[in-house]
PDB file of N, CA and C in Angstrom:
ATOM      1  N   UNK A   1     109.905  85.813 158.414  1.00  0.00           N
ATOM      2  CA  UNK A   1     110.003  86.611 157.220  1.00  0.00           C
ATOM      3  C   UNK A   1     108.649  87.266 156.954  1.00  0.00           C
ATOM      4  N   UNK A   2     108.692  88.480 156.494  1.00  0.00           N
ATOM      5  CA  UNK A   2     107.449  89.216 156.276  1.00  0.00           C
ATOM      6  C   UNK A   2     107.171  89.397 154.783  1.00  0.00           C
ATOM      7  N   UNK A   3     105.906  89.465 154.415  1.00  0.00           N
ATOM      8  CA  UNK A   3     105.508  89.657 153.024  1.00  0.00           C
ATOM      9  C   UNK A   3     105.103  91.098 152.755  1.00  0.00           C
ATOM     10  N   UNK A   4     105.381  91.994 153.661  1.00  0.00           N
ATOM     11  CA  UNK A   4     104.967  93.383 153.531  1.00  0.00           C
ATOM     12  C   UNK A   4     106.061  94.206 152.859  1.00  0.00           C
ATOM     13  N   UNK A   5     105.656  94.947 151.838  1.00  0.00           N
ATOM     14  CA  UNK A   5     106.561  95.896 151.200  1.00  0.00           C
ATOM     15  C   UNK A   5     105.930  97.271 151.286  1.00  0.00           C
ATOM     16  N   UNK A   6     106.745  98.313 151.448  1.00  0.00           N
ATOM     17  CA  UNK A   6     106.186  99.663 151.499  1.00  0.00           C
ATOM     18  C   UNK A   6     105.444 100.005 150.200  1.00  0.00           C
ATOM     19  N   UNK A   7     104.480 100.901 150.316  1.00  0.00           N
ATOM     20  CA  UNK A   7     103.646 101.294 149.188  1.00  0.00           C
ATOM     21  C   UNK A   7     104.486 101.835 148.033  1.00  0.00           C
ATOM     22  N   UNK A   8     105.515 102.616 148.326  1.00  0.00           N
ATOM     23  CA  UNK A   8     106.362 103.199 147.286  1.00  0.00           C
ATOM     24  C   UNK A   8     107.109 102.116 146.501  1.00  0.00           C
ATOM     25  N   UNK A   9     107.551 101.077 147.198  1.00  0.00           N
ATOM     26  CA  UNK A   9     108.263  99.985 146.536  1.00  0.00           C
ATOM     27  C   UNK A   9     107.309  99.219 145.619  1.00  0.00           C
ATOM     28  N   UNK A  10     106.101  98.956 146.103  1.00  0.00           N
ATOM     29  CA  UNK A  10     105.112  98.258 145.279  1.00  0.00           C
ATOM     30  C   UNK A  10     104.756  99.067 144.033  1.00  0.00           C
ATOM     31  N   UNK A  11     104.599 100.385 144.183  1.00  0.00           N
ATOM     32  CA  UNK A  11     104.299 101.240 143.035  1.00  0.00           C
ATOM     33  C   UNK A  11     105.465 101.243 142.040  1.00  0.00           C
ATOM     34  N   UNK A  12     106.686 101.269 142.552  1.00  0.00           N
ATOM     35  CA  UNK A  12     107.862 101.221 141.686  1.00  0.00           C
ATOM     36  C   UNK A  12     107.966  99.907 140.927  1.00  0.00           C
ATOM     37  N   UNK A  13     107.680  98.809 141.598  1.00  0.00           N
ATOM     38  CA  UNK A  13     107.702  97.504 140.934  1.00  0.00           C
ATOM     39  C   UNK A  13     106.631  97.413 139.853  1.00  0.00           C
ATOM     40  N   UNK A  14     105.439  97.929 140.142  1.00  0.00           N
ATOM     41  CA  UNK A  14     104.349  97.917 139.162  1.00  0.00           C
ATOM     42  C   UNK A  14     104.694  98.780 137.947  1.00  0.00           C
ATOM     43  N   UNK A  15     105.281  99.937 138.182  1.00  0.00           N
ATOM     44  CA  UNK A  15     105.690 100.821 137.086  1.00  0.00           C
ATOM     45  C   UNK A  15     106.765 100.165 136.223  1.00  0.00           C
ATOM     46  N   UNK A  16     107.725  99.502 136.858  1.00  0.00           N
ATOM     47  CA  UNK A  16     108.779  98.808 136.116  1.00  0.00           C
ATOM     48  C   UNK A  16     108.200  97.653 135.298  1.00  0.00           C
ATOM     49  N   UNK A  17     107.216  96.942 135.842  1.00  0.00           N
ATOM     50  CA  UNK A  17     106.585  95.845 135.118  1.00  0.00           C
ATOM     51  C   UNK A  17     105.838  96.365 133.885  1.00  0.00           C
ATOM     52  N   UNK A  18     105.125  97.477 134.024  1.00  0.00           N
ATOM     53  CA  UNK A  18     104.400  98.058 132.890  1.00  0.00           C
ATOM     54  C   UNK A  18     105.365  98.546 131.809  1.00  0.00           C
ATOM     55  N   UNK A  19     106.457  99.181 132.224  1.00  0.00           N
ATOM     56  CA  UNK A  19     107.454  99.657 131.250  1.00  0.00           C
ATOM     57  C   UNK A  19     108.042  98.501 130.459  1.00  0.00           C
ATOM     58  N   UNK A  20     108.328  97.400 131.138  1.00  0.00           N
ATOM     59  CA  UNK A  20     108.895  96.226 130.474  1.00  0.00           C
ATOM     60  C   UNK A  20     107.905  95.634 129.473  1.00  0.00           C
ATOM     61  N   UNK A  21     106.627  95.578 129.846  1.00  0.00           N
ATOM     62  CA  UNK A  21     105.609  95.078 128.921  1.00  0.00           C
ATOM     63  C   UNK A  21     105.476  95.989 127.706  1.00  0.00           C
ATOM     64  N   UNK A  22     105.568  97.299 127.903  1.00  0.00           N
ATOM     65  CA  UNK A  22     105.467  98.243 126.786  1.00  0.00           C
ATOM     66  C   UNK A  22     106.657  98.120 125.838  1.00  0.00           C
ATOM     67  N   UNK A  23     107.836  97.866 126.371  1.00  0.00           N
ATOM     68  CA  UNK A  23     109.026  97.722 125.529  1.00  0.00           C
ATOM     69  C   UNK A  23     108.937  96.485 124.652  1.00  0.00           C
ATOM     70  N   UNK A  24     108.430  95.386 125.210  1.00  0.00           N
ATOM     71  CA  UNK A  24     108.399  94.121 124.489  1.00  0.00           C
ATOM     72  C   UNK A  24     107.332  94.084 123.407  1.00  0.00           C
ATOM     73  N   UNK A  25     106.237  94.786 123.591  1.00  0.00           N
ATOM     74  CA  UNK A  25     105.108  94.664 122.684  1.00  0.00           C
ATOM     75  C   UNK A  25     105.170  95.682 121.556  1.00  0.00           C
ATOM     76  N   UNK A  26     104.977  95.215 120.323  1.00  0.00           N
ATOM     77  CA  UNK A  26     104.877  96.094 119.163  1.00  0.00           C
ATOM     78  C   UNK A  26     103.428  96.356 118.794  1.00  0.00           C
ATOM     79  N   UNK A  27     102.517  95.636 119.447  1.00  0.00           N
ATOM     80  CA  UNK A  27     101.102  95.750 119.114  1.00  0.00           C
ATOM     81  C   UNK A  27     100.537  97.076 119.598  1.00  0.00           C
ATOM     82  N   UNK A  28      99.667  97.669 118.770  1.00  0.00           N
ATOM     83  CA  UNK A  28      99.021  98.935 119.085  1.00  0.00           C
ATOM     84  C   UNK A  28      97.547  98.854 118.714  1.00  0.00           C
ATOM     85  N   UNK A  29      96.716  99.529 119.482  1.00  0.00           N
ATOM     86  CA  UNK A  29      95.294  99.643 119.184  1.00  0.00           C
ATOM     87  C   UNK A  29      95.046 101.065 118.697  1.00  0.00           C
ATOM     88  N   UNK A  30      94.427 101.183 117.531  1.00  0.00           N
ATOM     89  CA  UNK A  30      94.089 102.486 116.959  1.00  0.00           C
ATOM     90  C   UNK A  30      92.586 102.689 117.095  1.00  0.00           C
ATOM     91  N   UNK A  31      92.216 103.777 117.742  1.00  0.00           N
ATOM     92  CA  UNK A  31      90.809 104.150 117.910  1.00  0.00           C
ATOM     93  C   UNK A  31      90.690 105.581 117.404  1.00  0.00           C
ATOM     94  N   UNK A  32      90.212 105.735 116.181  1.00  0.00           N
ATOM     95  CA  UNK A  32      90.166 107.070 115.586  1.00  0.00           C
ATOM     96  C   UNK A  32      91.580 107.606 115.429  1.00  0.00           C
ATOM     97  N   UNK A  33      91.871 108.739 116.073  1.00  0.00           N
ATOM     98  CA  UNK A  33      93.214 109.332 116.013  1.00  0.00           C
ATOM     99  C   UNK A  33      94.082 108.922 117.194  1.00  0.00           C
ATOM    100  N   UNK A  34      93.532 108.199 118.146  1.00  0.00           N
ATOM    101  CA  UNK A  34      94.276 107.804 119.338  1.00  0.00           C
ATOM    102  C   UNK A  34      94.923 106.436 119.137  1.00  0.00           C
ATOM    103  N   UNK A  35      96.110 106.262 119.758  1.00  0.00           N
ATOM    104  CA  UNK A  35      96.860 105.006 119.669  1.00  0.00           C
ATOM    105  C   UNK A  35      97.250 104.594 121.085  1.00  0.00           C
ATOM    106  N   UNK A  36      96.988 103.323 121.422  1.00  0.00           N
ATOM    107  CA  UNK A  36      97.315 102.791 122.735  1.00  0.00           C
ATOM    108  C   UNK A  36      98.175 101.544 122.578  1.00  0.00           C
ATOM    109  N   UNK A  37      99.281 101.425 123.342  1.00  0.00           N
ATOM    110  CA  UNK A  37     100.100 100.205 123.266  1.00  0.00           C
ATOM    111  C   UNK A  37      99.424  99.040 123.977  1.00  0.00           C
ATOM    112  N   UNK A  38      99.465  97.874 123.338  1.00  0.00           N
ATOM    113  CA  UNK A  38      98.895  96.645 123.909  1.00  0.00           C
ATOM    114  C   UNK A  38      99.952  96.009 124.795  1.00  0.00           C
ATOM    115  N   UNK A  39      99.610  95.751 126.038  1.00  0.00           N
ATOM    116  CA  UNK A  39     100.573  95.149 126.963  1.00  0.00           C
ATOM    117  C   UNK A  39     100.538  93.630 126.917  1.00  0.00           C
ATOM    118  N   UNK A  40      99.341  93.062 126.766  1.00  0.00           N
ATOM    119  CA  UNK A  40      99.206  91.604 126.633  1.00  0.00           C
ATOM    120  C   UNK A  40      98.179  91.324 125.554  1.00  0.00           C
ATOM    121  N   UNK A  41      98.376  90.226 124.821  1.00  0.00           N
ATOM    122  CA  UNK A  41      97.453  89.837 123.765  1.00  0.00           C
ATOM    123  C   UNK A  41      97.253  88.335 123.828  1.00  0.00           C
ATOM    124  N   UNK A  42      96.017  87.879 123.691  1.00  0.00           N
ATOM    125  CA  UNK A  42      95.702  86.458 123.642  1.00  0.00           C
ATOM    126  C   UNK A  42      94.573  86.260 122.634  1.00  0.00           C
ATOM    127  N   UNK A  43      94.177  85.044 122.440  1.00  0.00           N
ATOM    128  CA  UNK A  43      93.235  84.689 121.376  1.00  0.00           C
ATOM    129  C   UNK A  43      91.877  85.382 121.503  1.00  0.00           C
ATOM    130  N   UNK A  44      91.406  85.591 122.705  1.00  0.00           N
ATOM    131  CA  UNK A  44      90.072  86.161 122.899  1.00  0.00           C
ATOM    132  C   UNK A  44      90.074  87.609 123.366  1.00  0.00           C
ATOM    133  N   UNK A  45      91.250  88.251 123.438  1.00  0.00           N
ATOM    134  CA  UNK A  45      91.273  89.641 123.877  1.00  0.00           C
ATOM    135  C   UNK A  45      92.676  90.179 124.063  1.00  0.00           C
ATOM    136  N   UNK A  46      92.758  91.327 124.733  1.00  0.00           N
ATOM    137  CA  UNK A  46      94.033  91.979 124.984  1.00  0.00           C
ATOM    138  C   UNK A  46      93.884  92.885 126.199  1.00  0.00           C
ATOM    139  N   UNK A  47      94.997  93.428 126.682  1.00  0.00           N
ATOM    140  CA  UNK A  47      94.940  94.341 127.809  1.00  0.00           C
ATOM    141  C   UNK A  47      95.797  95.570 127.530  1.00  0.00           C
ATOM    142  N   UNK A  48      95.356  96.684 128.085  1.00  0.00           N
ATOM    143  CA  UNK A  48      96.045  97.966 127.978  1.00  0.00           C
ATOM    144  C   UNK A  48      96.313  98.480 129.382  1.00  0.00           C
ATOM    145  N   UNK A  49      97.174  99.479 129.485  1.00  0.00           N
ATOM    146  CA  UNK A  49      97.451 100.122 130.759  1.00  0.00           C
ATOM    147  C   UNK A  49      96.186 100.842 131.215  1.00  0.00           C
ATOM    148  N   UNK A  50      95.719 100.546 132.411  1.00  0.00           N
ATOM    149  CA  UNK A  50      94.463 101.121 132.910  1.00  0.00           C
ATOM    150  C   UNK A  50      94.571 102.628 133.124  1.00  0.00           C
ATOM    151  N   UNK A  51      95.771 103.139 133.385  1.00  0.00           N
ATOM    152  CA  UNK A  51      95.943 104.573 133.610  1.00  0.00           C
ATOM    153  C   UNK A  51      95.790 105.369 132.322  1.00  0.00           C
ATOM    154  N   UNK A  52      96.223 104.798 131.192  1.00  0.00           N
ATOM    155  CA  UNK A  52      96.206 105.504 129.914  1.00  0.00           C
ATOM    156  C   UNK A  52      94.967 105.236 129.083  1.00  0.00           C
ATOM    157  N   UNK A  53      94.417 104.049 129.182  1.00  0.00           N
ATOM    158  CA  UNK A  53      93.331 103.643 128.286  1.00  0.00           C
ATOM    159  C   UNK A  53      91.972 103.925 128.914  1.00  0.00           C
ATOM    160  N   UNK A  54      91.083 104.535 128.162  1.00  0.00           N
ATOM    161  CA  UNK A  54      89.712 104.695 128.656  1.00  0.00           C
ATOM    162  C   UNK A  54      88.959 103.371 128.522  1.00  0.00           C
ATOM    163  N   UNK A  55      87.733 103.346 128.947  1.00  0.00           N
ATOM    164  CA  UNK A  55      86.901 102.153 128.768  1.00  0.00           C
ATOM    165  C   UNK A  55      86.457 102.122 127.310  1.00  0.00           C
ATOM    166  N   UNK A  56      87.298 101.556 126.462  1.00  0.00           N
ATOM    167  CA  UNK A  56      87.008 101.491 125.036  1.00  0.00           C
ATOM    168  C   UNK A  56      85.864 100.526 124.783  1.00  0.00           C
ATOM    169  N   UNK A  57      85.135 100.815 123.720  1.00  0.00           N
ATOM    170  CA  UNK A  57      84.039  99.939 123.335  1.00  0.00           C
ATOM    171  C   UNK A  57      83.769 100.197 121.867  1.00  0.00           C
ATOM    172  N   UNK A  58      83.555  99.150 121.105  1.00  0.00           N
ATOM    173  CA  UNK A  58      83.215  99.314 119.706  1.00  0.00           C
ATOM    174  C   UNK A  58      84.300  98.815 118.786  1.00  0.00           C
ATOM    175  N   UNK A  59      84.386  99.440 117.618  1.00  0.00           N
ATOM    176  CA  UNK A  59      85.283  98.995 116.554  1.00  0.00           C
ATOM    177  C   UNK A  59      86.663  99.635 116.704  1.00  0.00           C
ATOM    178  N   UNK A  60      87.714  98.817 116.741  1.00  0.00           N
ATOM    179  CA  UNK A  60      89.100  99.286 116.831  1.00  0.00           C
ATOM    180  C   UNK A  60      89.935  98.510 115.817  1.00  0.00           C
ATOM    181  N   UNK A  61      91.111  99.054 115.517  1.00  0.00           N
ATOM    182  CA  UNK A  61      92.059  98.391 114.625  1.00  0.00           C
ATOM    183  C   UNK A  61      93.285  97.997 115.424  1.00  0.00           C
ATOM    184  N   UNK A  62      93.775  96.782 115.208  1.00  0.00           N
ATOM    185  CA  UNK A  62      94.942  96.261 115.909  1.00  0.00           C
ATOM    186  C   UNK A  62      96.105  96.172 114.924  1.00  0.00           C
ATOM    187  N   UNK A  63      97.233  96.805 115.262  1.00  0.00           N
ATOM    188  CA  UNK A  63      98.400  96.872 114.391  1.00  0.00           C
ATOM    189  C   UNK A  63      99.610  96.247 115.078  1.00  0.00           C
ATOM    190  N   UNK A  64     100.471  95.630 114.264  1.00  0.00           N
ATOM    191  CA  UNK A  64     101.785  95.174 114.705  1.00  0.00           C
ATOM    192  C   UNK A  64     102.786  96.049 113.971  1.00  0.00           C
ATOM    193  N   UNK A  65     103.265  97.082 114.639  1.00  0.00           N
ATOM    194  CA  UNK A  65     104.096  98.068 113.955  1.00  0.00           C
ATOM    195  C   UNK A  65     103.239  98.817 112.954  1.00  0.00           C
ATOM    196  N   UNK A  66     103.577  98.732 111.668  1.00  0.00           N
ATOM    197  CA  UNK A  66     102.800  99.393 110.619  1.00  0.00           C
ATOM    198  C   UNK A  66     101.841  98.430 109.922  1.00  0.00           C
ATOM    199  N   UNK A  67     101.902  97.150 110.258  1.00  0.00           N
ATOM    200  CA  UNK A  67     101.084  96.132 109.591  1.00  0.00           C
ATOM    201  C   UNK A  67      99.732  95.986 110.286  1.00  0.00           C
ATOM    202  N   UNK A  68      98.664  96.152 109.536  1.00  0.00           N
ATOM    203  CA  UNK A  68      97.307  96.030 110.056  1.00  0.00           C
ATOM    204  C   UNK A  68      96.972  94.554 110.219  1.00  0.00           C
ATOM    205  N   UNK A  69      96.718  94.117 111.459  1.00  0.00           N
ATOM    206  CA  UNK A  69      96.440  92.712 111.730  1.00  0.00           C
ATOM    207  C   UNK A  69      94.948  92.398 111.759  1.00  0.00           C
ATOM    208  N   UNK A  70      94.196  93.126 112.584  1.00  0.00           N
ATOM    209  CA  UNK A  70      92.793  92.799 112.812  1.00  0.00           C
ATOM    210  C   UNK A  70      91.954  94.062 112.890  1.00  0.00           C
ATOM    211  N   UNK A  71      90.702  93.900 112.531  1.00  0.00           N
ATOM    212  CA  UNK A  71      89.684  94.885 112.844  1.00  0.00           C
ATOM    213  C   UNK A  71      88.783  94.193 113.850  1.00  0.00           C
ATOM    214  N   UNK A  72      88.634  94.789 115.027  1.00  0.00           N
ATOM    215  CA  UNK A  72      87.994  94.097 116.139  1.00  0.00           C
ATOM    216  C   UNK A  72      86.833  94.898 116.705  1.00  0.00           C
ATOM    217  N   UNK A  73      85.824  94.180 117.134  1.00  0.00           N
ATOM    218  CA  UNK A  73      84.734  94.743 117.908  1.00  0.00           C
ATOM    219  C   UNK A  73      84.990  94.314 119.343  1.00  0.00           C
ATOM    220  N   UNK A  74      85.182  95.287 120.241  1.00  0.00           N
ATOM    221  CA  UNK A  74      85.624  94.953 121.601  1.00  0.00           C
ATOM    222  C   UNK A  74      84.672  95.519 122.646  1.00  0.00           C
ATOM    223  N   UNK A  75      84.829  94.997 123.847  1.00  0.00           N
ATOM    224  CA  UNK A  75      84.132  95.503 125.023  1.00  0.00           C
ATOM    225  C   UNK A  75      85.099  95.381 126.205  1.00  0.00           C
ATOM    226  N   UNK A  76      85.109  96.399 127.076  1.00  0.00           N
ATOM    227  CA  UNK A  76      85.956  96.350 128.272  1.00  0.00           C
ATOM    228  C   UNK A  76      85.318  95.397 129.266  1.00  0.00           C
ATOM    229  N   UNK A  77      86.106  94.455 129.781  1.00  0.00           N
ATOM    230  CA  UNK A  77      85.523  93.462 130.682  1.00  0.00           C
ATOM    231  C   UNK A  77      85.848  93.729 132.146  1.00  0.00           C
ATOM    232  N   UNK A  78      87.121  93.988 132.457  1.00  0.00           N
ATOM    233  CA  UNK A  78      87.476  94.204 133.861  1.00  0.00           C
ATOM    234  C   UNK A  78      88.837  94.870 133.971  1.00  0.00           C
ATOM    235  N   UNK A  79      89.133  95.348 135.162  1.00  0.00           N
ATOM    236  CA  UNK A  79      90.449  95.911 135.455  1.00  0.00           C
ATOM    237  C   UNK A  79      91.111  95.024 136.490  1.00  0.00           C
ATOM    238  N   UNK A  80      92.342  94.590 136.194  1.00  0.00           N
ATOM    239  CA  UNK A  80      93.058  93.736 137.132  1.00  0.00           C
ATOM    240  C   UNK A  80      94.537  94.099 137.127  1.00  0.00           C
ATOM    241  N   UNK A  81      95.081  94.327 138.292  1.00  0.00           N
ATOM    242  CA  UNK A  81      96.503  94.632 138.482  1.00  0.00           C
ATOM    243  C   UNK A  81      96.977  95.789 137.615  1.00  0.00           C
ATOM    244  N   UNK A  82      96.192  96.831 137.501  1.00  0.00           N
ATOM    245  CA  UNK A  82      96.592  98.002 136.732  1.00  0.00           C
ATOM    246  C   UNK A  82      96.437  97.852 135.230  1.00  0.00           C
ATOM    247  N   UNK A  83      95.842  96.755 134.779  1.00  0.00           N
ATOM    248  CA  UNK A  83      95.613  96.530 133.355  1.00  0.00           C
ATOM    249  C   UNK A  83      94.115  96.500 133.084  1.00  0.00           C
ATOM    250  N   UNK A  84      93.690  97.177 132.018  1.00  0.00           N
ATOM    251  CA  UNK A  84      92.294  97.125 131.582  1.00  0.00           C
ATOM    252  C   UNK A  84      92.185  96.005 130.558  1.00  0.00           C
ATOM    253  N   UNK A  85      91.330  95.031 130.829  1.00  0.00           N
ATOM    254  CA  UNK A  85      91.182  93.852 129.984  1.00  0.00           C
ATOM    255  C   UNK A  85      90.001  94.059 129.030  1.00  0.00           C
ATOM    256  N   UNK A  86      90.240  93.793 127.755  1.00  0.00           N
ATOM    257  CA  UNK A  86      89.215  93.912 126.720  1.00  0.00           C
ATOM    258  C   UNK A  86      89.013  92.553 126.068  1.00  0.00           C
ATOM    259  N   UNK A  87      87.774  92.248 125.754  1.00  0.00           N
ATOM    260  CA  UNK A  87      87.460  90.984 125.093  1.00  0.00           C
ATOM    261  C   UNK A  87      86.913  91.261 123.706  1.00  0.00           C
ATOM    262  N   UNK A  88      87.223  90.345 122.781  1.00  0.00           N
ATOM    263  CA  UNK A  88      86.730  90.462 121.416  1.00  0.00           C
ATOM    264  C   UNK A  88      85.305  89.953 121.336  1.00  0.00           C
ATOM    265  N   UNK A  89      84.435  90.733 120.734  1.00  0.00           N
ATOM    266  CA  UNK A  89      83.135  90.226 120.327  1.00  0.00           C
ATOM    267  C   UNK A  89      83.269  89.644 118.928  1.00  0.00           C
ATOM    268  N   UNK A  90      84.126  90.305 118.135  1.00  0.00           N
ATOM    269  CA  UNK A  90      84.425  89.860 116.777  1.00  0.00           C
ATOM    270  C   UNK A  90      85.841  90.307 116.461  1.00  0.00           C
ATOM    271  N   UNK A  91      86.583  89.464 115.787  1.00  0.00           N
ATOM    272  CA  UNK A  91      87.945  89.789 115.369  1.00  0.00           C
ATOM    273  C   UNK A  91      88.132  89.290 113.942  1.00  0.00           C
ATOM    274  N   UNK A  92      88.312  90.222 113.004  1.00  0.00           N
ATOM    275  CA  UNK A  92      88.432  89.882 111.594  1.00  0.00           C
ATOM    276  C   UNK A  92      89.839  90.212 111.113  1.00  0.00           C
ATOM    277  N   UNK A  93      90.497  89.244 110.509  1.00  0.00           N
ATOM    278  CA  UNK A  93      91.853  89.467 109.988  1.00  0.00           C
ATOM    279  C   UNK A  93      91.805  90.471 108.844  1.00  0.00           C
ATOM    280  N   UNK A  94      92.761  91.388 108.832  1.00  0.00           N
ATOM    281  CA  UNK A  94      92.842  92.388 107.770  1.00  0.00           C
ATOM    282  C   UNK A  94      93.636  91.812 106.602  1.00  0.00           C
ATOM    283  N   UNK A  95      93.224  92.131 105.387  1.00  0.00           N
ATOM    284  CA  UNK A  95      93.887  91.638 104.189  1.00  0.00           C
ATOM    285  C   UNK A  95      94.449  92.811 103.389  1.00  0.00           C
ATOM    286  N   UNK A  96      95.538  92.558 102.642  1.00  0.00           N
ATOM    287  CA  UNK A  96      96.161  93.594 101.822  1.00  0.00           C
ATOM    288  C   UNK A  96      95.399  93.862 100.537  1.00  0.00           C
ATOM    289  N   UNK A  97      94.673  92.862 100.063  1.00  0.00           N
ATOM    290  CA  UNK A  97      93.940  93.027  98.809  1.00  0.00           C
ATOM    291  C   UNK A  97      92.507  92.544  98.985  1.00  0.00           C
ATOM    292  N   UNK A  98      91.655  92.988  98.092  1.00  0.00           N
ATOM    293  CA  UNK A  98      90.255  92.588  98.151  1.00  0.00           C
ATOM    294  C   UNK A  98      90.112  91.143  97.681  1.00  0.00           C
ATOM    295  N   UNK A  99      89.170  90.411  98.240  1.00  0.00           N
ATOM    296  CA  UNK A  99      88.958  89.033  97.783  1.00  0.00           C
ATOM    297  C   UNK A  99      88.393  89.020  96.360  1.00  0.00           C
ATOM    298  N   UNK A 100      88.731  87.994  95.605  1.00  0.00           N
ATOM    299  CA  UNK A 100      88.233  87.859  94.236  1.00  0.00           C
ATOM    300  C   UNK A 100      87.176  86.770  94.197  1.00  0.00           C
ATOM    301  N   UNK A 101      86.266  86.862  93.222  1.00  0.00           N
ATOM    302  CA  UNK A 101      85.199  85.878  93.118  1.00  0.00           C
ATOM    303  C   UNK A 101      85.412  84.922  91.937  1.00  0.00           C
ATOM    304  N   UNK A 102      86.683  84.720  91.581  1.00  0.00           N
ATOM    305  CA  UNK A 102      87.020  83.796  90.510  1.00  0.00           C
ATOM    306  C   UNK A 102      88.351  83.147  90.847  1.00  0.00           C
ATOM    307  N   UNK A 103      88.634  82.042  90.173  1.00  0.00           N
ATOM    308  CA  UNK A 103      89.882  81.328  90.397  1.00  0.00           C
ATOM    309  C   UNK A 103      90.969  81.909  89.512  1.00  0.00           C
ATOM    310  N   UNK A 104      92.108  82.182  90.108  1.00  0.00           N
ATOM    311  CA  UNK A 104      93.242  82.692  89.345  1.00  0.00           C
ATOM    312  C   UNK A 104      94.098  81.529  88.872  1.00  0.00           C
ATOM    313  N   UNK A 105      94.440  81.558  87.590  1.00  0.00           N
ATOM    314  CA  UNK A 105      95.287  80.518  87.012  1.00  0.00           C
ATOM    315  C   UNK A 105      96.710  80.687  87.543  1.00  0.00           C
ATOM    316  N   UNK A 106      97.321  79.610  87.990  1.00  0.00           N
ATOM    317  CA  UNK A 106      98.671  79.670  88.540  1.00  0.00           C
ATOM    318  C   UNK A 106      99.695  80.062  87.482  1.00  0.00           C
ATOM    319  N   UNK A 107      99.442  79.746  86.199  1.00  0.00           N
ATOM    320  CA  UNK A 107     100.382  80.064  85.124  1.00  0.00           C
ATOM    321  C   UNK A 107      99.997  81.323  84.347  1.00  0.00           C
ATOM    322  N   UNK A 108      99.101  82.106  84.857  1.00  0.00           N
ATOM    323  CA  UNK A 108      98.664  83.330  84.171  1.00  0.00           C
ATOM    324  C   UNK A 108      99.793  84.355  84.181  1.00  0.00           C
ATOM    325  N   UNK A 109      99.918  85.147  83.118  1.00  0.00           N
ATOM    326  CA  UNK A 109     100.968  86.175  83.103  1.00  0.00           C
ATOM    327  C   UNK A 109     100.682  87.258  84.137  1.00  0.00           C
ATOM    328  N   UNK A 110     101.740  87.790  84.687  1.00  0.00           N
ATOM    329  CA  UNK A 110     101.616  88.833  85.694  1.00  0.00           C
ATOM    330  C   UNK A 110     101.384  90.182  85.027  1.00  0.00           C
ATOM    331  N   UNK A 111     102.035  90.421  83.893  1.00  0.00           N
ATOM    332  CA  UNK A 111     101.896  91.693  83.184  1.00  0.00           C
ATOM    333  C   UNK A 111     102.073  91.449  81.691  1.00  0.00           C
ATOM    334  N   UNK A 112     101.671  92.419  80.917  1.00  0.00           N
ATOM    335  CA  UNK A 112     101.814  92.346  79.480  1.00  0.00           C
ATOM    336  C   UNK A 112     103.083  93.092  79.091  1.00  0.00           C
ATOM    337  N   UNK A 113     103.981  92.393  78.413  1.00  0.00           N
ATOM    338  CA  UNK A 113     105.238  93.001  77.964  1.00  0.00           C
ATOM    339  C   UNK A 113     105.144  93.182  76.462  1.00  0.00           C
ATOM    340  N   UNK A 114     105.272  94.414  76.024  1.00  0.00           N
ATOM    341  CA  UNK A 114     105.180  94.741  74.610  1.00  0.00           C
ATOM    342  C   UNK A 114     106.569  94.890  74.035  1.00  0.00           C
ATOM    343  N   UNK A 115     106.791  94.340  72.847  1.00  0.00           N
ATOM    344  CA  UNK A 115     108.081  94.463  72.169  1.00  0.00           C
ATOM    345  C   UNK A 115     108.028  95.696  71.258  1.00  0.00           C
ATOM    346  N   UNK A 116     108.588  96.807  71.727  1.00  0.00           N
ATOM    347  CA  UNK A 116     108.571  98.059  70.985  1.00  0.00           C
ATOM    348  C   UNK A 116     109.622  98.079  69.866  1.00  0.00           C
ATOM    349  N   UNK A 117     110.579  97.176  69.911  1.00  0.00           N
ATOM    350  CA  UNK A 117     111.641  97.155  68.903  1.00  0.00           C
ATOM    351  C   UNK A 117     111.105  96.725  67.544  1.00  0.00           C
ATOM    352  N   UNK A 118     110.085  95.891  67.554  1.00  0.00           N
ATOM    353  CA  UNK A 118     109.563  95.385  66.279  1.00  0.00           C
ATOM    354  C   UNK A 118     108.541  96.357  65.665  1.00  0.00           C
ATOM    355  N   UNK A 119     108.195  97.399  66.344  1.00  0.00           N
ATOM    356  CA  UNK A 119     107.218  98.364  65.818  1.00  0.00           C
ATOM    357  C   UNK A 119     107.819  99.323  64.862  1.00  0.00           C
TER     358      UNK A 119
END
């Protein structure tokens, strides 16, 4: 039995593998006005398609659909199997609201309701 496959078959298999990874992943990297789909994501980094992604470096935003997950400082580390691998230098979770410097009472009213009928 031989382990040799024609070049066209190998390219087709690689293209099919990349398409499948793109379909499964909702993660996107936003760099200015450009958006790149994340093919793989792990705790210390992520990978993009090497054909589409430049050697990114610096501050990027990581999104899951429309939800902002992280603001990351990244560096391109290596290219392997058609994927460009990026590592986090810093990864900060994004928050919907600004942090407060005081304790919020659990029983505090959410809003002020005025009774206009008694006026």
